[in-house]
C-alpha atoms as a PDB file:
ATOM      1  CA  MET A   1      -2.656 -10.461  16.789  1.00  0.00           C
ATOM      2  CA  LYS A   2      -5.654 -11.917  15.281  1.00  0.00           C
ATOM      3  CA  ILE A   3      -7.047 -10.737  11.964  1.00  0.00           C
ATOM      4  CA  LEU A   4     -10.388 -11.691  10.638  1.00  0.00           C
ATOM      5  CA  VAL A   5     -10.418 -11.539   6.608  1.00  0.00           C
ATOM      6  CA  THR A   6     -13.592 -11.725   4.860  1.00  0.00           C
ATOM      7  CA  GLY A   7     -13.554 -14.348   1.989  1.00  0.00           C
ATOM      8  CA  ARG A   8     -11.934 -17.632   1.653  1.00  0.00           C
ATOM      9  CA  GLU A   9     -10.723 -18.080  -2.044  1.00  0.00           C
ATOM     10  CA  GLY A  10      -9.592 -14.642  -3.157  1.00  0.00           C
ATOM     11  CA  GLN A  11      -5.898 -13.905  -4.198  1.00  0.00           C
ATOM     12  CA  VAL A  12      -5.347 -11.547  -1.339  1.00  0.00           C
ATOM     13  CA  VAL A  13      -7.002 -14.039   1.094  1.00  0.00           C
ATOM     14  CA  GLN A  14      -4.826 -16.934   0.192  1.00  0.00           C
ATOM     15  CA  SER A  15      -1.628 -14.762   0.215  1.00  0.00           C
ATOM     16  CA  LEU A  16      -2.602 -13.350   3.817  1.00  0.00           C
ATOM     17  CA  LEU A  17      -3.062 -17.008   5.135  1.00  0.00           C
ATOM     18  CA  GLU A  18       0.371 -17.989   3.409  1.00  0.00           C
ATOM     19  CA  LYS A  19       2.161 -15.062   4.992  1.00  0.00           C
ATOM     20  CA  ALA A  20       0.630 -15.307   8.374  1.00  0.00           C
ATOM     21  CA  SER A  21       1.765 -19.205   8.608  1.00  0.00           C
ATOM     22  CA  GLN A  22       5.156 -17.658   8.830  1.00  0.00           C
ATOM     23  CA  ARG A  23       4.792 -15.789  11.729  1.00  0.00           C
ATOM     24  CA  ALA A  24       3.833 -17.344  15.202  1.00  0.00           C
ATOM     25  CA  ASP A  25       2.537 -14.272  16.623  1.00  0.00           C
ATOM     26  CA  LEU A  26      -0.259 -13.745  13.743  1.00  0.00           C
ATOM     27  CA  GLU A  27      -3.412 -15.581  13.411  1.00  0.00           C
ATOM     28  CA  VAL A  28      -5.453 -15.131  10.079  1.00  0.00           C
ATOM     29  CA  ILE A  29      -9.141 -16.456  10.227  1.00  0.00           C
ATOM     30  CA  ALA A  30     -10.748 -16.244   6.697  1.00  0.00           C
ATOM     31  CA  LEU A  31     -14.518 -16.346   6.761  1.00  0.00           C
ATOM     32  CA  GLY A  32     -16.838 -16.724   3.658  1.00  0.00           C
ATOM     33  CA  ARG A  33     -20.182 -17.931   2.812  1.00  0.00           C
ATOM     34  CA  PRO A  34     -22.362 -19.338   4.374  1.00  0.00           C
ATOM     35  CA  GLU A  35     -21.009 -18.160   7.592  1.00  0.00           C
ATOM     36  CA  LEU A  36     -20.302 -14.762   6.550  1.00  0.00           C
ATOM     37  CA  ASP A  37     -22.370 -13.640   3.562  1.00  0.00           C
ATOM     38  CA  LEU A  38     -21.969  -9.858   2.328  1.00  0.00           C
ATOM     39  CA  THR A  39     -25.558 -10.058   1.011  1.00  0.00           C
ATOM     40  CA  ASN A  40     -26.761 -11.025   4.534  1.00  0.00           C
ATOM     41  CA  PRO A  41     -25.493  -8.256   6.889  1.00  0.00           C
ATOM     42  CA  ASP A  42     -26.789 -10.224   9.956  1.00  0.00           C
ATOM     43  CA  THR A  43     -24.259 -12.994   9.132  1.00  0.00           C
ATOM     44  CA  VAL A  44     -21.656 -10.454   8.815  1.00  0.00           C
ATOM     45  CA  ARG A  45     -22.276  -9.023  12.168  1.00  0.00           C
ATOM     46  CA  GLY A  46     -22.633 -12.417  14.122  1.00  0.00           C
ATOM     47  CA  ALA A  47     -19.472 -13.997  12.455  1.00  0.00           C
ATOM     48  CA  ILE A  48     -17.231 -11.056  13.103  1.00  0.00           C
ATOM     49  CA  GLU A  49     -18.444 -10.344  16.743  1.00  0.00           C
ATOM     50  CA  ALA A  50     -18.010 -14.021  17.377  1.00  0.00           C
ATOM     51  CA  ILE A  51     -14.269 -13.982  16.442  1.00  0.00           C
ATOM     52  CA  LYS A  52     -13.391 -10.909  18.362  1.00  0.00           C
ATOM     53  CA  PRO A  53     -10.398  -9.831  16.232  1.00  0.00           C
ATOM     54  CA  ASP A  54      -7.886  -7.306  16.866  1.00  0.00           C
ATOM     55  CA  LEU A  55      -8.153  -6.232  13.181  1.00  0.00           C
ATOM     56  CA  VAL A  56     -10.500  -6.789  10.114  1.00  0.00           C
ATOM     57  CA  VAL A  57      -9.309  -6.879   6.544  1.00  0.00           C
ATOM     58  CA  SER A  58     -12.621  -6.576   4.270  1.00  0.00           C
ATOM     59  CA  ALA A  59     -11.320  -8.480   1.292  1.00  0.00           C
ATOM     60  CA  ALA A  60     -14.255 -10.049  -0.268  1.00  0.00           C
ATOM     61  CA  ALA A  61     -15.941  -8.698  -3.187  1.00  0.00           C
ATOM     62  CA  TYR A  62     -18.232  -8.783  -6.199  1.00  0.00           C
ATOM     63  CA  THR A  63     -15.326  -8.553  -8.925  1.00  0.00           C
ATOM     64  CA  ALA A  64     -17.258  -9.592 -12.321  1.00  0.00           C
ATOM     65  CA  VAL A  65     -16.639  -6.444 -14.143  1.00  0.00           C
ATOM     66  CA  ASP A  66     -18.547  -6.954 -17.075  1.00  0.00           C
ATOM     67  CA  LEU A  67     -21.320  -9.102 -15.503  1.00  0.00           C
ATOM     68  CA  ALA A  68     -21.956  -6.337 -13.029  1.00  0.00           C
ATOM     69  CA  GLU A  69     -23.582  -4.305 -15.973  1.00  0.00           C
ATOM     70  CA  ASP A  70     -26.559  -6.598 -15.756  1.00  0.00           C
ATOM     71  CA  GLU A  71     -26.277  -7.537 -11.927  1.00  0.00           C
ATOM     72  CA  ARG A  72     -26.234  -3.948 -10.434  1.00  0.00           C
ATOM     73  CA  GLU A  73     -28.133  -4.851  -7.353  1.00  0.00           C
ATOM     74  CA  LEU A  74     -26.012  -7.572  -6.417  1.00  0.00           C
ATOM     75  CA  ALA A  75     -22.754  -5.730  -7.145  1.00  0.00           C
ATOM     76  CA  PHE A  76     -23.934  -3.012  -4.703  1.00  0.00           C
ATOM     77  CA  ALA A  77     -25.418  -5.330  -2.235  1.00  0.00           C
ATOM     78  CA  VAL A  78     -21.752  -7.000  -1.761  1.00  0.00           C
ATOM     79  CA  ASN A  79     -19.382  -4.095  -2.534  1.00  0.00           C
ATOM     80  CA  ALA A  80     -21.320  -1.458  -0.902  1.00  0.00           C
ATOM     81  CA  ILE A  81     -23.954  -2.501   1.653  1.00  0.00           C
ATOM     82  CA  GLY A  82     -21.935  -5.759   2.532  1.00  0.00           C
ATOM     83  CA  ALA A  83     -18.676  -3.816   2.749  1.00  0.00           C
ATOM     84  CA  LYS A  84     -20.595  -1.474   5.244  1.00  0.00           C
ATOM     85  CA  ALA A  85     -21.637  -4.206   7.225  1.00  0.00           C
ATOM     86  CA  VAL A  86     -18.121  -5.392   7.707  1.00  0.00           C
ATOM     87  CA  ALA A  87     -16.767  -2.050   8.898  1.00  0.00           C
ATOM     88  CA  GLU A  88     -19.778  -1.495  11.273  1.00  0.00           C
ATOM     89  CA  ALA A  89     -19.033  -5.146  12.638  1.00  0.00           C
ATOM     90  CA  ALA A  90     -15.480  -3.891  13.102  1.00  0.00           C
ATOM     91  CA  LYS A  91     -16.455  -0.924  15.050  1.00  0.00           C
ATOM     92  CA  ASN A  92     -18.594  -2.660  17.205  1.00  0.00           C
ATOM     93  CA  CYS A  93     -15.794  -4.623  18.159  1.00  0.00           C
ATOM     94  CA  GLY A  94     -13.653  -1.609  18.798  1.00  0.00           C
ATOM     95  CA  VAL A  95     -11.153  -2.582  16.025  1.00  0.00           C
ATOM     96  CA  PRO A  96     -10.011  -1.032  12.685  1.00  0.00           C
ATOM     97  CA  VAL A  97     -11.023  -2.031   9.327  1.00  0.00           C
ATOM     98  CA  ILE A  98      -8.758  -2.507   6.172  1.00  0.00           C
ATOM     99  CA  HIS A  99     -11.038  -2.287   3.261  1.00  0.00           C
ATOM    100  CA  LEU A 100      -9.580  -3.161  -0.401  1.00  0.00           C
ATOM    101  CA  SER A 101     -10.875  -1.160  -3.298  1.00  0.00           C
ATOM    102  CA  THR A 102      -9.738  -0.782  -6.928  1.00  0.00           C
ATOM    103  CA  ASP A 103      -8.331   1.528  -9.623  1.00  0.00           C
ATOM    104  CA  TYR A 104     -11.781   1.475 -11.170  1.00  0.00           C
ATOM    105  CA  VAL A 105     -13.016   4.315  -8.847  1.00  0.00           C
ATOM    106  CA  PHE A 106     -11.350   6.621 -11.392  1.00  0.00           C
ATOM    107  CA  ALA A 107     -12.116   7.573 -14.910  1.00  0.00           C
ATOM    108  CA  GLY A 108      -8.844   6.895 -16.338  1.00  0.00           C
ATOM    109  CA  ASP A 109      -8.481   9.899 -18.400  1.00  0.00           C
ATOM    110  CA  ALA A 110      -5.737  11.639 -16.415  1.00  0.00           C
ATOM    111  CA  ASP A 111      -2.186  11.880 -17.685  1.00  0.00           C
ATOM    112  CA  GLU A 112      -0.170  11.062 -14.745  1.00  0.00           C
ATOM    113  CA  PRO A 113      -0.544   8.464 -11.811  1.00  0.00           C
ATOM    114  CA  TYR A 114      -3.603   9.129  -9.470  1.00  0.00           C
ATOM    115  CA  ALA A 115      -3.156  10.300  -6.064  1.00  0.00           C
ATOM    116  CA  GLU A 116      -5.660   9.720  -3.262  1.00  0.00           C
ATOM    117  CA  THR A 117      -6.931  13.367  -3.578  1.00  0.00           C
ATOM    118  CA  ASP A 118      -7.782  13.146  -7.305  1.00  0.00           C
ATOM    119  CA  VAL A 119     -11.366  13.429  -8.266  1.00  0.00           C
ATOM    120  CA  THR A 120     -13.349   9.946  -8.630  1.00  0.00           C
ATOM    121  CA  GLY A 121     -15.423   9.288 -11.663  1.00  0.00           C
ATOM    122  CA  PRO A 122     -15.826   5.416 -12.041  1.00  0.00           C
ATOM    123  CA  ARG A 123     -17.136   4.380 -15.511  1.00  0.00           C
ATOM    124  CA  SER A 124     -18.782   0.912 -14.791  1.00  0.00           C
ATOM    125  CA  VAL A 125     -21.151  -0.490 -12.319  1.00  0.00           C
ATOM    126  CA  TYR A 126     -18.320  -2.285 -10.574  1.00  0.00           C
ATOM    127  CA  GLY A 127     -16.320   1.025 -10.061  1.00  0.00           C
ATOM    128  CA  ARG A 128     -19.384   2.897  -8.886  1.00  0.00           C
ATOM    129  CA  SER A 129     -20.439  -0.011  -6.398  1.00  0.00           C
ATOM    130  CA  LYS A 130     -16.700   0.229  -5.133  1.00  0.00           C
ATOM    131  CA  LEU A 131     -16.694   3.806  -4.851  1.00  0.00           C
ATOM    132  CA  GLU A 132     -20.031   3.735  -2.895  1.00  0.00           C
ATOM    133  CA  GLY A 133     -18.445   0.883  -0.637  1.00  0.00           C
ATOM    134  CA  GLU A 134     -15.484   3.376   0.066  1.00  0.00           C
ATOM    135  CA  ARG A 135     -18.131   5.988   1.359  1.00  0.00           C
ATOM    136  CA  LEU A 136     -20.007   3.666   3.414  1.00  0.00           C
ATOM    137  CA  VAL A 137     -17.064   2.273   5.143  1.00  0.00           C
ATOM    138  CA  ALA A 138     -15.602   5.391   5.744  1.00  0.00           C
ATOM    139  CA  HIS A 139     -18.928   6.499   7.414  1.00  0.00           C
ATOM    140  CA  ALA A 140     -19.351   3.332   9.273  1.00  0.00           C
ATOM    141  CA  ASN A 141     -16.090   3.055  10.930  1.00  0.00           C
ATOM    142  CA  PRO A 142     -13.968   6.077  11.562  1.00  0.00           C
ATOM    143  CA  ARG A 143     -10.726   3.941  12.167  1.00  0.00           C
ATOM    144  CA  HIS A 144     -10.556   2.651   8.538  1.00  0.00           C
ATOM    145  CA  ILE A 145      -7.668   2.124   5.877  1.00  0.00           C
ATOM    146  CA  ILE A 146      -9.106   2.088   2.409  1.00  0.00           C
ATOM    147  CA  LEU A 147      -6.510   0.340   0.089  1.00  0.00           C
ATOM    148  CA  ARG A 148      -7.013   0.842  -3.712  1.00  0.00           C
ATOM    149  CA  THR A 149      -4.935  -1.439  -5.589  1.00  0.00           C
ATOM    150  CA  ALA A 150      -5.013  -2.848  -9.359  1.00  0.00           C
ATOM    151  CA  TRP A 151      -4.102  -5.489 -11.762  1.00  0.00           C
ATOM    152  CA  VAL A 152      -3.862  -8.103  -9.102  1.00  0.00           C
ATOM    153  CA  TYR A 153      -2.192 -11.422  -9.824  1.00  0.00           C
ATOM    154  CA  SER A 154      -0.807 -14.218  -7.644  1.00  0.00           C
ATOM    155  CA  PRO A 155      -0.204 -18.098  -7.559  1.00  0.00           C
ATOM    156  CA  PHE A 156      -3.769 -18.255  -6.575  1.00  0.00           C
ATOM    157  CA  GLY A 157      -7.062 -18.282  -8.234  1.00  0.00           C
ATOM    158  CA  LYS A 158      -7.954 -16.549 -11.451  1.00  0.00           C
ATOM    159  CA  ASN A 159      -5.818 -13.683 -12.897  1.00  0.00           C
ATOM    160  CA  PHE A 160      -4.170 -12.348 -15.952  1.00  0.00           C
ATOM    161  CA  VAL A 161      -0.985 -14.143 -15.590  1.00  0.00           C
ATOM    162  CA  LYS A 162      -2.529 -17.524 -15.535  1.00  0.00           C
ATOM    163  CA  THR A 163      -4.998 -16.529 -18.286  1.00  0.00           C
ATOM    164  CA  MET A 164      -1.733 -15.590 -20.602  1.00  0.00           C
ATOM    165  CA  LEU A 165      -0.040 -18.941 -19.709  1.00  0.00           C
ATOM    166  CA  LYS A 166      -3.252 -21.034 -20.249  1.00  0.00           C
ATOM    167  CA  LEU A 167      -3.864 -19.551 -23.443  1.00  0.00           C
ATOM    168  CA  ALA A 168      -0.357 -19.964 -24.626  1.00  0.00           C
ATOM    169  CA  GLU A 169      -0.503 -23.764 -24.204  1.00  0.00           C
ATOM    170  CA  THR A 170      -2.955 -23.817 -27.219  1.00  0.00           C
ATOM    171  CA  ARG A 171      -1.897 -20.657 -29.264  1.00  0.00           C
ATOM    172  CA  ASP A 172       1.063 -19.155 -30.658  1.00  0.00           C
ATOM    173  CA  ALA A 173       0.004 -15.705 -31.039  1.00  0.00           C
ATOM    174  CA  LEU A 174      -2.225 -13.410 -28.901  1.00  0.00           C
ATOM    175  CA  SER A 175      -3.765 -10.047 -29.435  1.00  0.00           C
ATOM    176  CA  VAL A 176      -3.526  -8.026 -26.216  1.00  0.00           C
ATOM    177  CA  VAL A 177      -4.739  -4.389 -25.553  1.00  0.00           C
ATOM    178  CA  SER A 178      -2.027  -1.937 -25.529  1.00  0.00           C
ATOM    179  CA  ASP A 179      -3.705   1.415 -24.665  1.00  0.00           C
ATOM    180  CA  GLN A 180      -4.795   0.735 -21.210  1.00  0.00           C
ATOM    181  CA  TRP A 181      -2.054   1.538 -18.536  1.00  0.00           C
ATOM    182  CA  GLY A 182      -1.483   0.263 -15.145  1.00  0.00           C
ATOM    183  CA  ASN A 183       0.434  -1.108 -12.134  1.00  0.00           C
ATOM    184  CA  PRO A 184       0.526  -4.827 -12.081  1.00  0.00           C
ATOM    185  CA  THR A 185       0.647  -5.897  -8.339  1.00  0.00           C
ATOM    186  CA  SER A 186       1.180  -9.108  -6.711  1.00  0.00           C
ATOM    187  CA  ALA A 187      -1.411 -10.183  -4.037  1.00  0.00           C
ATOM    188  CA  LEU A 188       1.751 -11.593  -2.229  1.00  0.00           C
ATOM    189  CA  ASP A 189       2.895  -7.979  -1.946  1.00  0.00           C
ATOM    190  CA  ILE A 190      -0.474  -6.651  -0.855  1.00  0.00           C
ATOM    191  CA  ALA A 191      -0.364  -9.389   1.733  1.00  0.00           C
ATOM    192  CA  ASP A 192       2.993  -8.056   3.159  1.00  0.00           C
ATOM    193  CA  ALA A 193       1.602  -4.514   2.846  1.00  0.00           C
ATOM    194  CA  ILE A 194      -1.595  -5.281   4.942  1.00  0.00           C
ATOM    195  CA  ILE A 195       0.684  -6.920   7.761  1.00  0.00           C
ATOM    196  CA  GLN A 196       2.865  -3.729   7.924  1.00  0.00           C
ATOM    197  CA  VAL A 197      -0.196  -1.863   8.334  1.00  0.00           C
ATOM    198  CA  ALA A 198      -1.497  -4.233  11.046  1.00  0.00           C
ATOM    199  CA  ASP A 199       1.746  -4.061  12.658  1.00  0.00           C
ATOM    200  CA  HIS A 200       1.987  -0.353  12.623  1.00  0.00           C
ATOM    201  CA  LEU A 201      -1.540   0.095  13.889  1.00  0.00           C
ATOM    202  CA  ALA A 202      -0.957  -2.464  16.824  1.00  0.00           C
ATOM    203  CA  ALA A 203       2.285  -0.434  17.613  1.00  0.00           C
ATOM    204  CA  THR A 204       0.821   3.023  17.333  1.00  0.00           C
ATOM    205  CA  PRO A 205      -2.185   3.279  19.777  1.00  0.00           C
ATOM    206  CA  ASP A 206      -2.800   7.010  18.990  1.00  0.00           C
ATOM    207  CA  PHE A 207      -2.689   6.459  15.080  1.00  0.00           C
ATOM    208  CA  SER A 208      -4.706   8.969  13.439  1.00  0.00           C
ATOM    209  CA  ALA A 209      -3.947   8.956   9.726  1.00  0.00           C
ATOM    210  CA  TYR A 210      -6.837   6.714   8.757  1.00  0.00           C
ATOM    211  CA  GLY A 211      -8.270   7.286   5.043  1.00  0.00           C
ATOM    212  CA  VAL A 212      -7.720   6.320   1.632  1.00  0.00           C
ATOM    213  CA  TYR A 213      -4.232   5.048   0.446  1.00  0.00           C
ATOM    214  CA  HIS A 214      -3.052   3.501  -3.065  1.00  0.00           C
ATOM    215  CA  LEU A 215      -1.139   0.379  -2.936  1.00  0.00           C
ATOM    216  CA  VAL A 216       0.071  -0.945  -6.305  1.00  0.00           C
ATOM    217  CA  GLY A 217       3.443  -2.494  -7.732  1.00  0.00           C
ATOM    218  CA  ALA A 218       6.294  -0.113  -8.362  1.00  0.00           C
ATOM    219  CA  GLY A 219       6.661   0.820 -12.247  1.00  0.00           C
ATOM    220  CA  ASP A 220       3.802   0.755 -14.916  1.00  0.00           C
ATOM    221  CA  THR A 221       2.934  -0.836 -18.166  1.00  0.00           C
ATOM    222  CA  ASN A 222       0.091  -1.658 -20.443  1.00  0.00           C
ATOM    223  CA  TRP A 223      -1.701  -5.029 -20.831  1.00  0.00           C
ATOM    224  CA  SER A 224       0.297  -6.303 -23.918  1.00  0.00           C
ATOM    225  CA  GLY A 225       3.752  -5.059 -21.973  1.00  0.00           C
ATOM    226  CA  PHE A 226       2.393  -7.306 -19.131  1.00  0.00           C
ATOM    227  CA  ALA A 227       1.858 -10.106 -21.297  1.00  0.00           C
ATOM    228  CA  ARG A 228       5.155  -9.887 -22.970  1.00  0.00           C
ATOM    229  CA  ALA A 229       6.764  -9.874 -19.765  1.00  0.00           C
ATOM    230  CA  ILE A 230       5.127 -12.773 -18.671  1.00  0.00           C
ATOM    231  CA  PHE A 231       6.011 -14.998 -21.854  1.00  0.00           C
ATOM    232  CA  ASP A 232       9.606 -13.554 -21.368  1.00  0.00           C
ATOM    233  CA  GLU A 233       9.718 -14.999 -18.093  1.00  0.00           C
ATOM    234  CA  SER A 234       8.089 -18.174 -18.914  1.00  0.00           C
ATOM    235  CA  ALA A 235      10.553 -18.772 -21.729  1.00  0.00           C
ATOM    236  CA  ARG A 236      13.376 -18.620 -19.312  1.00  0.00           C
ATOM    237  CA  LEU A 237      11.657 -20.926 -16.650  1.00  0.00           C
ATOM    238  CA  GLY A 238      10.656 -23.349 -19.946  1.00  0.00           C
ATOM    239  CA  GLY A 239       7.115 -22.699 -19.966  1.00  0.00           C
ATOM    240  CA  PRO A 240       4.705 -21.830 -22.648  1.00  0.00           C
ATOM    241  CA  THR A 241       5.124 -18.752 -24.724  1.00  0.00           C
ATOM    242  CA  ALA A 242       3.235 -16.851 -27.581  1.00  0.00           C
ATOM    243  CA  ALA A 243       3.766 -13.770 -29.675  1.00  0.00           C
ATOM    244  CA  VAL A 244       1.992 -10.724 -28.576  1.00  0.00           C
ATOM    245  CA  THR A 245       0.414  -8.294 -30.990  1.00  0.00           C
ATOM    246  CA  ASP A 246      -0.853  -5.036 -29.893  1.00  0.00           C
ATOM    247  CA  ILE A 247      -4.379  -4.034 -30.262  1.00  0.00           C
ATOM    248  CA  ALA A 248      -6.545  -0.972 -29.398  1.00  0.00           C
ATOM    249  CA  THR A 249      -9.327  -1.294 -26.727  1.00  0.00           C
ATOM    250  CA  ALA A 250     -11.727  -0.187 -29.513  1.00  0.00           C
ATOM    251  CA  ASP A 251     -10.667  -3.689 -31.242  1.00  0.00           C
ATOM    252  CA  TYR A 252     -11.596  -5.652 -28.122  1.00  0.00           C
ATOM    253  CA  PRO A 253     -15.160  -4.334 -26.976  1.00  0.00           C
ATOM    254  CA  THR A 254     -16.233  -5.108 -23.431  1.00  0.00           C
ATOM    255  CA  LYS A 255     -19.840  -4.667 -21.698  1.00  0.00           C
ATOM    256  CA  ALA A 256     -18.068  -2.421 -18.993  1.00  0.00           C
ATOM    257  CA  ALA A 257     -15.773   0.300 -19.799  1.00  0.00           C
ATOM    258  CA  ARG A 258     -12.193   0.138 -18.401  1.00  0.00           C
ATOM    259  CA  PRO A 259     -10.111   3.071 -17.188  1.00  0.00           C
ATOM    260  CA  MET A 260      -7.387   3.858 -20.046  1.00  0.00           C
ATOM    261  CA  ASN A 261      -4.881   5.164 -17.249  1.00  0.00           C
ATOM    262  CA  SER A 262      -5.300   3.392 -13.942  1.00  0.00           C
ATOM    263  CA  ARG A 263      -1.889   4.147 -12.558  1.00  0.00           C
ATOM    264  CA  LEU A 264      -1.847   4.995  -8.910  1.00  0.00           C
ATOM    265  CA  SER A 265       0.709   6.792  -6.836  1.00  0.00           C
ATOM    266  CA  THR A 266       1.730   5.003  -3.751  1.00  0.00           C
ATOM    267  CA  LYS A 267       3.690   8.031  -2.138  1.00  0.00           C
ATOM    268  CA  LYS A 268       1.124   8.460   0.720  1.00  0.00           C
ATOM    269  CA  PHE A 269       1.406   4.891   1.604  1.00  0.00           C
ATOM    270  CA  GLN A 270       5.176   4.710   1.766  1.00  0.00           C
ATOM    271  CA  ALA A 271       5.250   7.995   3.994  1.00  0.00           C
ATOM    272  CA  ALA A 272       2.493   6.588   6.384  1.00  0.00           C
ATOM    273  CA  PHE A 273       3.618   2.958   6.790  1.00  0.00           C
ATOM    274  CA  GLY A 274       7.307   2.925   5.845  1.00  0.00           C
ATOM    275  CA  TRP A 275       6.877   0.319   3.497  1.00  0.00           C
ATOM    276  CA  SER A 276       7.639   0.548  -0.665  1.00  0.00           C
ATOM    277  CA  PRO A 277       6.230  -1.902  -3.056  1.00  0.00           C
ATOM    278  CA  SER A 278       8.670  -4.076  -5.209  1.00  0.00           C
ATOM    279  CA  TYR A 279       9.058  -3.225  -8.917  1.00  0.00           C
ATOM    280  CA  TRP A 280       6.196  -5.311 -10.471  1.00  0.00           C
ATOM    281  CA  GLU A 281       8.668  -7.155 -12.942  1.00  0.00           C
ATOM    282  CA  ALA A 282      10.695  -8.576  -9.737  1.00  0.00           C
ATOM    283  CA  SER A 283       7.365  -9.793  -8.147  1.00  0.00           C
ATOM    284  CA  LEU A 284       6.070 -11.215 -11.289  1.00  0.00           C
ATOM    285  CA  ALA A 285       9.470 -13.354 -11.575  1.00  0.00           C
ATOM    286  CA  LEU A 286       8.571 -14.536  -8.093  1.00  0.00           C
ATOM    287  CA  VAL A 287       5.043 -15.516  -9.026  1.00  0.00           C
ATOM    288  CA  MET A 288       6.055 -17.285 -12.394  1.00  0.00           C
ATOM    289  CA  LYS A 289       8.600 -19.672 -10.475  1.00  0.00           C
ATOM    290  CA  ARG A 290       5.611 -20.795  -8.455  1.00  0.00           C
ATOM    291  CA  LEU A 291       3.642 -21.375 -11.491  1.00  0.00           C
ATOM    292  CA  LEU A 292       5.849 -23.108 -13.571  1.00  0.00           C
END
């Protein structure tokens, strides 16, 4: 099976490349700028159609949440118009598209984990651009799987785990927000899930349950709880640690509003694809061993 994934440096892309290398029957081709530039739809079409993949994974995105407040046009060009071009190119090749989205499409004011059918209400330009991307992808290619994920970390790229470890090298104490809740999610687990979906689609030619799915690590926590878990594991591995003090979101203002509750339910994904996410603490331990 040949899978084309957009982007080269992202955490999910790097995780997919690593996982694919462990299977002789799976080839993952990562394409990014300049060959495939989401701000230039012509390059998207040409690059994807030249590869002739069996499946397209739309992973590249504009993810600078705060900067997007000042770069609305660029955020929408990449996350909406660019995502549409990827989905259209996949359709032209006669293949499905798996499009990665985000918990930021929700307002974050619910008391329970969000289901796929819950009302969206993004509070930031980034969230609105990703929601519009979902809409355009669904319209462009009926054979779409939109995967909303959250709080992504991995051994690759930039992420919260690496930031905490880096800060702890020079600081003994850190203040971390405690009133935003979500599901820490390893990009390695996302890659495993994407491959599970790819295998399922290949084995089920009459698959019809296309649509939106939530894919996050099992269990939830807040950012300060996540930070403490990172440092607990780091201490066991002989890495840097820091004391964590809880603070409110109001004490750490950001340009873009964040959802206070971005917990997502994965029941639909588990039922459709027979794959259950690992608990986030277990996945964190695996990533930490690679970082330290």
